[in-house]
N, C-alpha and C. Protein backbone atom coordinates (compact mmCIF):
# COMPACT_ATOMS: atom_id res chain seq x y z
N MET A 1 -25.84 30.93 19.87
CA MET A 1 -26.85 30.51 21.01
C MET A 1 -27.84 29.74 20.07
N GLY A 2 -28.01 28.82 20.31
CA GLY A 2 -28.65 27.22 19.57
C GLY A 2 -30.57 27.30 19.43
N THR A 3 -30.86 27.22 18.29
CA THR A 3 -32.27 27.20 18.57
C THR A 3 -33.15 26.28 19.50
N ILE A 4 -34.35 26.45 19.68
CA ILE A 4 -34.69 26.13 20.83
C ILE A 4 -35.86 25.12 20.13
N SER A 5 -36.24 24.03 20.33
CA SER A 5 -37.12 23.37 19.56
C SER A 5 -38.55 23.03 20.87
N HIS A 6 -39.59 23.28 20.51
CA HIS A 6 -40.49 22.48 21.73
C HIS A 6 -41.05 21.68 20.72
N ARG A 7 -41.06 20.64 21.65
CA ARG A 7 -41.98 19.13 21.41
C ARG A 7 -42.85 19.11 21.85
N THR A 8 -43.84 18.71 21.24
CA THR A 8 -45.43 18.09 21.88
C THR A 8 -45.53 16.64 21.76
N LYS A 9 -45.90 16.31 23.50
CA LYS A 9 -46.07 14.87 23.53
C LYS A 9 -47.29 14.51 23.32
N GLY A 10 -47.91 13.90 22.68
CA GLY A 10 -49.13 13.72 22.53
C GLY A 10 -49.81 12.30 23.19
N GLU A 11 -50.98 12.16 23.62
CA GLU A 11 -51.47 11.02 24.00
C GLU A 11 -52.03 9.93 22.92
N ALA A 12 -51.25 8.86 23.30
CA ALA A 12 -51.68 7.57 22.02
C ALA A 12 -53.25 7.31 22.23
N ALA A 13 -53.98 7.27 20.83
CA ALA A 13 -55.14 6.96 21.07
C ALA A 13 -55.09 5.52 21.40
N PRO A 14 -56.46 5.39 22.66
CA PRO A 14 -56.42 4.15 23.07
C PRO A 14 -56.95 2.76 22.14
N TYR A 15 -57.38 2.99 21.11
CA TYR A 15 -57.78 2.00 20.17
C TYR A 15 -57.31 1.99 18.68
N PRO A 16 -56.87 1.00 18.00
CA PRO A 16 -56.02 1.34 16.58
C PRO A 16 -56.63 1.97 15.76
N VAL A 17 -55.88 3.22 15.18
CA VAL A 17 -56.78 4.04 14.18
C VAL A 17 -56.22 3.66 12.85
N PRO A 18 -56.99 2.72 12.07
CA PRO A 18 -56.85 2.64 10.88
C PRO A 18 -55.96 3.46 9.62
N GLN A 19 -55.04 3.62 8.97
CA GLN A 19 -54.49 4.29 8.35
C GLN A 19 -54.59 4.50 6.57
N THR A 20 -55.15 3.01 6.45
CA THR A 20 -55.96 3.23 4.87
C THR A 20 -57.09 2.71 4.96
N ARG A 21 -58.07 3.06 3.48
CA ARG A 21 -58.98 2.34 3.29
C ARG A 21 -59.16 0.89 3.47
N GLU A 22 -57.91 0.29 3.18
CA GLU A 22 -58.18 -1.40 3.28
C GLU A 22 -58.14 -2.15 4.81
N GLU A 23 -57.43 -1.23 5.78
CA GLU A 23 -57.32 -1.29 6.98
C GLU A 23 -59.04 -1.27 7.81
N VAL A 24 -59.38 -0.08 7.16
CA VAL A 24 -60.54 0.50 7.67
C VAL A 24 -61.65 -1.22 7.51
N ASP A 25 -61.47 -1.18 5.94
CA ASP A 25 -62.31 -2.91 5.65
C ASP A 25 -62.12 -3.85 6.58
N ALA A 26 -60.77 -4.48 6.74
CA ALA A 26 -60.33 -5.24 7.75
C ALA A 26 -60.90 -4.91 9.18
N ALA A 27 -60.81 -4.06 9.74
CA ALA A 27 -61.34 -3.43 11.01
C ALA A 27 -62.78 -3.84 11.15
N ILE A 28 -63.36 -3.51 9.75
CA ILE A 28 -64.88 -3.77 9.86
C ILE A 28 -65.12 -5.38 10.01
N ALA A 29 -64.16 -5.97 9.42
CA ALA A 29 -64.44 -7.67 8.77
C ALA A 29 -64.13 -8.08 10.44
N GLY A 30 -63.32 -7.68 11.25
CA GLY A 30 -62.83 -8.04 12.46
C GLY A 30 -63.96 -7.77 13.79
N ILE A 31 -64.83 -6.79 13.42
CA ILE A 31 -65.91 -6.65 14.16
C ILE A 31 -66.94 -7.43 13.86
N GLY A 32 -66.83 -7.50 12.50
CA GLY A 32 -68.00 -8.92 12.67
C GLY A 32 -67.45 -10.13 12.80
N HIS A 33 -66.60 -10.55 12.79
CA HIS A 33 -65.75 -11.77 13.12
C HIS A 33 -66.15 -12.15 14.79
N LEU A 34 -65.66 -11.04 15.81
CA LEU A 34 -65.74 -10.87 16.93
C LEU A 34 -67.35 -10.70 17.69
N GLN A 35 -68.26 -10.47 16.82
CA GLN A 35 -69.59 -10.17 16.79
C GLN A 35 -70.24 -11.42 16.83
N ARG A 36 -70.01 -12.25 15.97
CA ARG A 36 -70.23 -13.74 15.82
C ARG A 36 -69.90 -14.60 16.56
N GLU A 37 -68.09 -14.42 17.22
CA GLU A 37 -68.02 -14.89 18.11
C GLU A 37 -68.58 -14.85 19.69
N ARG A 38 -68.65 -13.40 19.95
CA ARG A 38 -69.52 -12.82 20.88
C ARG A 38 -71.00 -13.70 21.09
N LYS A 39 -71.45 -13.69 19.77
CA LYS A 39 -72.98 -14.19 19.82
C LYS A 39 -72.82 -15.67 19.78
N ARG A 40 -71.96 -16.35 19.69
CA ARG A 40 -71.89 -18.11 19.69
C ARG A 40 -71.91 -18.38 21.36
N LEU A 41 -70.97 -17.04 21.85
CA LEU A 41 -70.46 -17.78 23.14
C LEU A 41 -71.58 -17.32 23.99
N TYR A 42 -72.65 -16.48 23.61
CA TYR A 42 -74.02 -16.06 24.32
C TYR A 42 -75.23 -17.57 23.89
N LEU A 43 -74.94 -18.04 22.80
CA LEU A 43 -75.76 -19.25 22.21
C LEU A 43 -75.03 -20.20 23.22
N GLU A 44 -74.02 -20.61 23.22
CA GLU A 44 -73.43 -21.33 24.56
C GLU A 44 -73.96 -21.63 25.86
N LYS A 45 -73.82 -20.07 26.51
CA LYS A 45 -74.00 -19.83 27.47
C LYS A 45 -75.42 -20.39 27.83
N ASP A 46 -76.65 -19.72 27.13
CA ASP A 46 -77.74 -20.11 27.29
C ASP A 46 -78.12 -21.38 27.39
N GLU A 47 -77.53 -22.16 26.08
CA GLU A 47 -77.67 -23.53 26.04
C GLU A 47 -77.56 -24.27 27.91
N ARG A 48 -76.10 -23.92 28.16
CA ARG A 48 -75.79 -24.42 29.37
C ARG A 48 -76.56 -24.12 30.69
N LEU A 49 -77.59 -22.91 30.45
CA LEU A 49 -78.42 -22.40 31.81
C LEU A 49 -79.41 -23.49 31.23
N ALA A 50 -79.73 -23.48 30.29
CA ALA A 50 -80.84 -24.38 30.22
C ALA A 50 -80.65 -25.92 30.26
N GLU A 51 -79.88 -26.33 30.18
CA GLU A 51 -79.43 -27.76 31.27
C GLU A 51 -79.36 -27.44 32.32
N VAL A 52 -79.21 -26.82 32.73
CA VAL A 52 -78.88 -26.88 34.37
C VAL A 52 -80.39 -26.27 35.15
N ASN A 53 -80.96 -25.70 34.12
CA ASN A 53 -82.38 -25.59 34.69
C ASN A 53 -83.33 -26.59 34.60
N ARG A 54 -82.91 -27.35 33.33
CA ARG A 54 -83.82 -28.38 33.38
C ARG A 54 -83.20 -29.84 34.37
N ALA A 55 -81.88 -29.74 34.86
CA ALA A 55 -81.68 -30.69 35.81
C ALA A 55 -82.06 -30.10 37.09
N PHE A 56 -82.41 -29.15 37.31
CA PHE A 56 -82.94 -28.47 38.68
C PHE A 56 -84.23 -29.00 38.88
N GLU A 57 -85.14 -28.62 37.69
CA GLU A 57 -86.47 -28.54 37.65
C GLU A 57 -86.61 -30.56 37.74
N THR A 58 -86.16 -30.86 37.30
CA THR A 58 -86.17 -32.35 37.65
C THR A 58 -85.83 -32.85 39.02
N GLN A 59 -84.86 -32.60 39.37
CA GLN A 59 -84.65 -32.98 40.74
C GLN A 59 -85.55 -32.08 42.01
N LYS A 60 -85.88 -31.17 41.54
CA LYS A 60 -86.84 -30.14 42.76
C LYS A 60 -88.18 -30.89 42.64
N LYS A 61 -88.94 -31.02 41.51
CA LYS A 61 -90.36 -31.56 41.58
C LYS A 61 -90.78 -32.70 42.57
N PRO A 62 -89.90 -33.65 42.47
CA PRO A 62 -90.41 -34.63 43.43
C PRO A 62 -90.08 -34.18 45.08
N LEU A 63 -89.30 -33.44 45.28
CA LEU A 63 -89.19 -32.83 46.79
C LEU A 63 -90.42 -31.82 46.87
N GLU A 64 -90.54 -31.08 46.28
CA GLU A 64 -92.04 -29.92 46.16
C GLU A 64 -93.41 -30.79 46.15
N ASP A 65 -93.26 -31.67 45.18
CA ASP A 65 -94.51 -32.43 45.56
C ASP A 65 -94.36 -33.44 46.78
N ASP A 66 -93.29 -33.96 47.44
CA ASP A 66 -93.27 -34.56 48.94
C ASP A 66 -93.75 -33.23 49.87
N ILE A 67 -93.29 -32.27 49.84
CA ILE A 67 -93.38 -31.39 51.04
C ILE A 67 -95.26 -30.89 51.06
N LYS A 68 -95.58 -30.39 49.44
CA LYS A 68 -97.19 -30.83 49.44
C LYS A 68 -97.57 -31.60 50.25
N ARG A 69 -97.42 -32.54 49.96
CA ARG A 69 -98.52 -33.71 50.47
C ARG A 69 -98.30 -34.08 52.04
N LEU A 70 -96.92 -33.65 52.59
CA LEU A 70 -96.83 -33.54 53.72
C LEU A 70 -97.81 -32.59 54.52
N ARG A 71 -97.38 -31.28 53.54
CA ARG A 71 -98.07 -30.47 54.23
C ARG A 71 -99.76 -30.45 54.29
N GLU A 72 -100.31 -30.70 53.26
CA GLU A 72 -101.43 -31.18 53.21
C GLU A 72 -101.85 -31.90 54.14
N GLY A 73 -101.65 -32.86 55.01
CA GLY A 73 -101.53 -34.11 56.04
C GLY A 73 -101.66 -33.18 56.61
N ILE A 74 -100.60 -32.61 57.14
CA ILE A 74 -100.63 -31.73 58.29
C ILE A 74 -101.71 -30.91 58.62
N GLN A 75 -101.84 -30.11 57.54
CA GLN A 75 -103.15 -28.90 57.70
C GLN A 75 -104.48 -30.18 58.18
N ALA A 76 -104.48 -31.16 57.22
CA ALA A 76 -105.58 -31.71 57.72
C ALA A 76 -105.92 -32.32 59.11
N TRP A 77 -104.82 -32.94 59.56
CA TRP A 77 -105.21 -33.30 60.72
C TRP A 77 -105.04 -32.23 61.79
N CYS A 78 -104.22 -31.17 61.67
CA CYS A 78 -104.50 -29.97 62.60
C CYS A 78 -105.56 -29.05 62.49
N GLU A 79 -106.31 -29.41 61.56
CA GLU A 79 -107.49 -28.93 60.91
C GLU A 79 -108.66 -29.49 62.01
N SER A 80 -108.60 -30.56 61.91
CA SER A 80 -109.70 -31.49 62.65
C SER A 80 -109.27 -31.35 64.36
N ARG A 81 -108.19 -31.13 64.81
CA ARG A 81 -107.92 -30.66 66.18
C ARG A 81 -107.76 -29.09 66.41
N ARG A 82 -108.18 -28.52 65.92
CA ARG A 82 -107.75 -27.09 66.17
C ARG A 82 -108.06 -26.67 67.18
N ARG A 83 -109.33 -26.54 68.00
CA ARG A 83 -109.67 -26.25 69.06
C ARG A 83 -108.75 -27.00 70.11
N ASP A 84 -108.55 -28.26 70.26
CA ASP A 84 -107.30 -28.40 70.90
C ASP A 84 -105.69 -27.91 70.71
N LEU A 85 -105.81 -27.49 69.78
CA LEU A 85 -104.16 -27.16 69.61
C LEU A 85 -104.04 -25.81 70.23
N THR A 86 -105.38 -25.00 69.97
CA THR A 86 -105.29 -23.39 70.18
C THR A 86 -105.73 -22.83 71.18
N GLY A 87 -105.92 -24.03 72.32
CA GLY A 87 -106.42 -23.84 73.55
C GLY A 87 -108.20 -23.42 73.46
N GLY A 88 -108.72 -23.82 72.30
CA GLY A 88 -110.20 -23.21 72.47
C GLY A 88 -110.10 -22.14 71.59
N GLY A 89 -109.26 -21.67 70.91
CA GLY A 89 -109.13 -20.77 70.03
C GLY A 89 -108.86 -19.63 70.68
N LYS A 90 -107.99 -19.45 71.45
CA LYS A 90 -107.22 -18.46 72.48
C LYS A 90 -106.06 -17.78 71.61
N VAL A 91 -105.40 -19.06 70.82
CA VAL A 91 -104.32 -18.64 70.44
C VAL A 91 -104.42 -19.25 68.51
N LYS A 92 -103.48 -18.82 67.77
CA LYS A 92 -103.78 -19.25 66.36
C LYS A 92 -102.49 -20.07 66.12
N PHE A 93 -101.79 -20.67 67.30
CA PHE A 93 -100.86 -21.37 66.54
C PHE A 93 -100.42 -22.61 67.75
N HIS A 94 -99.65 -23.62 67.01
CA HIS A 94 -99.22 -24.58 68.36
C HIS A 94 -97.95 -25.30 68.11
N ASP A 95 -97.22 -25.15 68.78
CA ASP A 95 -95.69 -25.91 68.73
C ASP A 95 -95.62 -26.91 68.90
N PHE A 96 -94.81 -27.74 68.30
CA PHE A 96 -94.55 -29.23 68.23
C PHE A 96 -93.01 -29.27 68.23
N PRO A 97 -92.44 -30.52 69.06
CA PRO A 97 -91.20 -30.43 68.98
C PRO A 97 -90.18 -30.43 67.87
N ALA A 98 -90.71 -30.50 66.56
CA ALA A 98 -89.98 -30.41 65.54
C ALA A 98 -90.38 -28.97 64.50
N GLY A 99 -91.58 -28.30 65.19
CA GLY A 99 -91.64 -27.20 64.45
C GLY A 99 -92.95 -26.60 64.99
N LYS A 100 -93.51 -25.54 64.40
CA LYS A 100 -94.74 -24.82 64.65
C LYS A 100 -95.88 -24.54 63.44
N ILE A 101 -96.91 -25.05 63.71
CA ILE A 101 -98.19 -24.45 62.64
C ILE A 101 -98.80 -23.21 63.28
N SER A 102 -99.21 -22.68 62.59
CA SER A 102 -99.99 -21.52 62.97
C SER A 102 -100.79 -20.94 61.73
N TRP A 103 -102.13 -20.24 61.87
CA TRP A 103 -103.31 -19.78 61.14
C TRP A 103 -102.69 -18.22 61.40
N ARG A 104 -103.20 -17.67 60.00
CA ARG A 104 -102.88 -16.06 60.00
C ARG A 104 -104.08 -15.88 58.82
N MET A 105 -104.73 -14.78 58.95
CA MET A 105 -105.47 -14.36 58.01
C MET A 105 -104.50 -13.53 57.22
N ARG A 106 -104.40 -13.68 56.06
CA ARG A 106 -104.04 -12.77 54.94
C ARG A 106 -104.48 -11.39 54.88
N PRO A 107 -103.68 -10.45 54.21
CA PRO A 107 -104.52 -9.15 54.21
C PRO A 107 -105.47 -9.55 52.96
N ALA A 108 -106.35 -7.84 53.00
CA ALA A 108 -107.62 -8.50 52.05
C ALA A 108 -106.93 -7.72 50.96
N ARG A 109 -107.24 -8.04 49.79
CA ARG A 109 -107.22 -7.70 48.64
C ARG A 109 -108.26 -7.30 47.55
N VAL A 110 -108.29 -6.84 46.59
CA VAL A 110 -109.11 -6.34 45.75
C VAL A 110 -108.75 -7.37 44.60
N VAL A 111 -109.96 -7.97 44.12
CA VAL A 111 -110.10 -8.78 42.80
C VAL A 111 -110.88 -8.30 41.74
N LEU A 112 -110.42 -7.62 40.73
CA LEU A 112 -111.37 -7.11 39.75
C LEU A 112 -111.22 -8.29 38.10
N ARG A 113 -112.60 -7.89 37.96
CA ARG A 113 -112.77 -8.88 36.61
C ARG A 113 -113.58 -7.90 35.68
N SER A 114 -113.44 -7.56 34.56
CA SER A 114 -113.90 -6.53 33.74
C SER A 114 -113.74 -5.28 33.88
N ILE A 115 -112.27 -4.78 34.16
CA ILE A 115 -112.06 -3.31 35.04
C ILE A 115 -113.02 -2.10 33.96
N GLU A 116 -113.32 -2.11 33.00
CA GLU A 116 -114.18 -1.27 32.30
C GLU A 116 -115.41 -1.29 32.94
N ASN A 117 -115.87 -2.30 33.35
CA ASN A 117 -117.39 -2.42 33.85
C ASN A 117 -117.37 -1.79 35.17
N VAL A 118 -116.25 -2.19 36.11
CA VAL A 118 -116.50 -1.91 37.16
C VAL A 118 -116.25 -0.55 37.27
N ILE A 119 -115.18 0.46 36.55
CA ILE A 119 -115.26 1.60 36.65
C ILE A 119 -116.14 2.49 36.14
N GLN A 120 -116.97 1.92 34.83
CA GLN A 120 -118.56 2.48 34.67
C GLN A 120 -119.65 2.27 35.55
N ALA A 121 -119.45 1.06 36.66
CA ALA A 121 -120.40 1.34 37.32
C ALA A 121 -119.99 1.98 38.91
N LEU A 122 -118.86 2.21 39.01
CA LEU A 122 -118.45 3.19 40.13
C LEU A 122 -119.30 4.70 39.97
N ARG A 123 -118.82 5.01 38.68
CA ARG A 123 -118.94 6.32 38.22
C ARG A 123 -120.40 6.62 38.25
N GLU A 124 -121.49 5.37 37.74
CA GLU A 124 -122.95 5.22 37.86
C GLU A 124 -123.37 5.76 39.30
N ARG A 125 -122.94 5.20 40.22
CA ARG A 125 -122.99 5.27 41.64
C ARG A 125 -122.21 6.56 41.91
N LYS A 126 -121.71 7.40 41.68
CA LYS A 126 -120.98 8.27 42.20
C LYS A 126 -120.06 8.19 43.29
N LEU A 127 -119.09 7.18 42.81
CA LEU A 127 -118.00 6.42 43.72
C LEU A 127 -116.52 7.12 43.05
N GLU A 128 -116.74 8.10 42.31
CA GLU A 128 -115.40 8.35 41.53
C GLU A 128 -114.14 8.19 42.52
N ARG A 129 -114.26 8.46 43.59
CA ARG A 129 -113.28 8.57 44.77
C ARG A 129 -112.19 7.31 44.60
N PHE A 130 -112.87 6.01 44.02
CA PHE A 130 -112.53 4.95 44.14
C PHE A 130 -111.88 4.20 42.16
N VAL A 131 -111.84 5.69 41.53
CA VAL A 131 -110.88 5.83 40.28
C VAL A 131 -110.08 6.70 40.27
N ARG A 132 -108.90 6.07 40.29
CA ARG A 132 -107.46 6.62 39.73
C ARG A 132 -107.34 6.70 38.33
N ILE A 133 -106.92 8.21 38.17
CA ILE A 133 -107.03 8.73 36.90
C ILE A 133 -105.60 9.25 36.89
N LYS A 134 -104.77 8.45 36.38
CA LYS A 134 -103.26 8.81 36.42
C LYS A 134 -102.75 9.73 34.76
N GLU A 135 -102.05 10.92 35.37
CA GLU A 135 -101.62 12.02 34.50
C GLU A 135 -100.40 11.40 34.36
N GLU A 136 -99.84 11.76 32.94
CA GLU A 136 -98.32 11.67 32.45
C GLU A 136 -98.34 12.37 31.21
N VAL A 137 -97.06 12.99 31.08
CA VAL A 137 -96.51 13.57 29.76
C VAL A 137 -97.09 12.63 28.60
N ASN A 138 -97.35 13.05 27.33
CA ASN A 138 -97.17 12.56 26.36
C ASN A 138 -96.53 12.80 25.40
N LYS A 139 -94.89 11.86 26.05
CA LYS A 139 -93.72 12.10 24.91
C LYS A 139 -93.82 12.27 23.17
N GLU A 140 -94.69 10.81 22.88
CA GLU A 140 -95.27 11.08 21.54
C GLU A 140 -95.68 12.26 20.69
N ALA A 141 -96.94 12.64 21.85
CA ALA A 141 -97.49 14.02 21.22
C ALA A 141 -96.64 15.09 20.80
N ILE A 142 -95.59 15.48 22.05
CA ILE A 142 -94.56 16.12 21.93
C ILE A 142 -93.43 15.94 20.59
N LEU A 143 -92.99 14.89 20.67
CA LEU A 143 -92.01 14.89 19.35
C LEU A 143 -92.92 15.15 18.17
N ALA A 144 -93.97 14.62 18.03
CA ALA A 144 -95.22 15.06 16.74
C ALA A 144 -95.16 16.52 16.81
N GLU A 145 -95.50 17.56 18.12
CA GLU A 145 -95.56 19.28 17.75
C GLU A 145 -94.07 19.65 18.32
N PRO A 146 -92.89 19.63 18.25
CA PRO A 146 -92.03 20.02 19.11
C PRO A 146 -92.36 21.26 19.36
N GLU A 147 -92.81 22.46 18.35
CA GLU A 147 -93.22 23.71 18.26
C GLU A 147 -93.91 24.21 19.34
N ALA A 148 -94.95 23.23 19.47
CA ALA A 148 -95.91 23.70 20.44
C ALA A 148 -95.72 24.15 21.68
N VAL A 149 -94.36 23.18 22.19
CA VAL A 149 -94.13 23.02 23.63
C VAL A 149 -92.63 23.96 24.00
N SER A 150 -92.21 24.64 23.01
CA SER A 150 -91.08 25.56 22.74
C SER A 150 -91.33 26.22 23.86
N GLY A 151 -90.04 26.58 24.73
CA GLY A 151 -90.05 27.41 25.57
C GLY A 151 -90.45 27.26 27.02
N ILE A 152 -91.26 25.79 27.32
CA ILE A 152 -91.49 25.21 28.62
C ILE A 152 -90.67 24.73 29.19
N PRO A 153 -90.30 25.19 30.48
CA PRO A 153 -89.32 24.87 31.19
C PRO A 153 -89.60 23.30 31.53
N GLY A 154 -88.61 22.76 31.62
CA GLY A 154 -88.64 21.60 31.59
C GLY A 154 -89.01 20.53 31.08
N ILE A 155 -89.05 20.85 29.65
CA ILE A 155 -89.25 20.29 28.68
C ILE A 155 -87.63 20.45 27.51
N LYS A 156 -87.38 19.44 27.22
CA LYS A 156 -86.09 19.62 26.32
C LYS A 156 -85.82 18.41 25.36
N LEU A 157 -85.64 19.14 24.09
CA LEU A 157 -85.87 17.45 22.95
C LEU A 157 -84.41 17.68 22.71
N GLU A 158 -84.11 16.19 22.70
CA GLU A 158 -82.62 16.06 22.38
C GLU A 158 -82.63 14.90 21.12
N GLN A 159 -81.63 15.12 20.64
CA GLN A 159 -81.39 14.65 19.22
C GLN A 159 -79.77 14.91 19.15
N GLY A 160 -78.88 13.55 18.71
CA GLY A 160 -77.84 13.21 18.72
C GLY A 160 -77.51 12.21 17.34
N GLU A 161 -76.30 12.21 16.88
CA GLU A 161 -75.89 11.61 15.91
C GLU A 161 -75.50 10.12 16.46
N GLU A 162 -75.06 9.00 15.81
CA GLU A 162 -74.60 7.80 16.26
C GLU A 162 -73.85 7.78 14.92
N PHE A 163 -72.41 6.95 15.43
CA PHE A 163 -72.20 6.29 14.17
C PHE A 163 -72.09 4.79 14.24
N ILE A 164 -72.31 4.24 13.29
CA ILE A 164 -72.46 2.94 13.50
C ILE A 164 -71.44 2.07 12.12
N VAL A 165 -71.43 1.19 12.75
CA VAL A 165 -70.50 -0.08 11.86
C VAL A 165 -71.01 -1.16 11.78
N THR A 166 -71.77 -1.90 10.83
CA THR A 166 -72.33 -2.96 10.51
C THR A 166 -71.78 -3.85 9.55
N PRO A 167 -71.15 -4.58 10.11
CA PRO A 167 -70.69 -5.63 9.52
C PRO A 167 -71.27 -6.81 8.43
N PHE A 168 -70.85 -7.02 7.36
CA PHE A 168 -71.61 -7.53 6.02
C PHE A 168 -71.72 -9.30 7.17
N GLU A 169 -73.04 -10.13 6.90
CA GLU A 169 -72.78 -11.21 7.54
C GLU A 169 -72.46 -11.98 6.80
N THR A 170 -71.77 -12.94 7.24
CA THR A 170 -70.96 -14.37 6.86
C THR A 170 -71.65 -15.54 7.54
N ASP A 171 -71.73 -16.50 6.24
CA ASP A 171 -72.11 -17.80 6.75
C ASP A 171 -71.16 -18.24 7.55
N MET A 172 -71.55 -18.72 8.74
CA MET A 172 -70.65 -19.15 9.69
C MET A 172 -71.00 -21.15 9.51
N GLY A 173 -70.29 -22.05 9.04
CA GLY A 173 -70.70 -23.10 8.96
C GLY A 173 -70.84 -24.02 10.34
N GLU A 174 -71.88 -24.55 10.51
CA GLU A 174 -72.26 -25.41 11.73
C GLU A 174 -71.62 -26.59 11.85
N VAL A 175 -70.71 -26.95 12.63
CA VAL A 175 -70.30 -28.27 12.92
C VAL A 175 -70.69 -29.08 13.97
N ALA A 176 -71.13 -30.25 13.06
CA ALA A 176 -71.69 -31.34 14.49
C ALA A 176 -70.94 -31.95 15.09
C-alpha cells in the first residue's frame, strides 16, 4: 500500500509580496511614483474644473443681470398697480398669459447681534427659557483622564496600530 500525501492548497495573496529587502525598497519607490501620479491627476482635474467654472460664471453673469433687471421692472410695475392686480387685496397673486406674479410673507426669523449680550439680557430679565444649553460629552477630557471613566457603560476607548509606508519625496521636473 502506498503512502497517502495530503496537499493543502492555499489562497494566493491578493497583492504582490516582496521576497527581498530590495523588492520592498522598489515597492516603496513604486508607491511614491504612483502617489505623485495620482497627485498630478488631481491637480489636472482641479485646473480643468476651475476652467469650466470660470467659463460658466462668465456666461451666467449677464443672464442673471438681465433676469434681475426684468424682475425688478416687473415688481415696480406690479407694486404700482397692486390693488388692481389683487382685486383690492382679496388675493395675493395675478395671472398673466406668460406667467404668474405673487406676493407672500416669508416666515419670521430671528436675527441676533452680539449673542453674548443677548444671552446676558435674557438671563437678567429671567427669560432663561429662550437660552438653549447644549450638553455633550467632552471626549478630549475623557482621553486626558481615561481611568476616571473606567467601567461606565457606553464609554469605550479604542486605540489601534497603523502600518504606514512613506516614500521619500523626489523632485518631479515641471515641463512647460
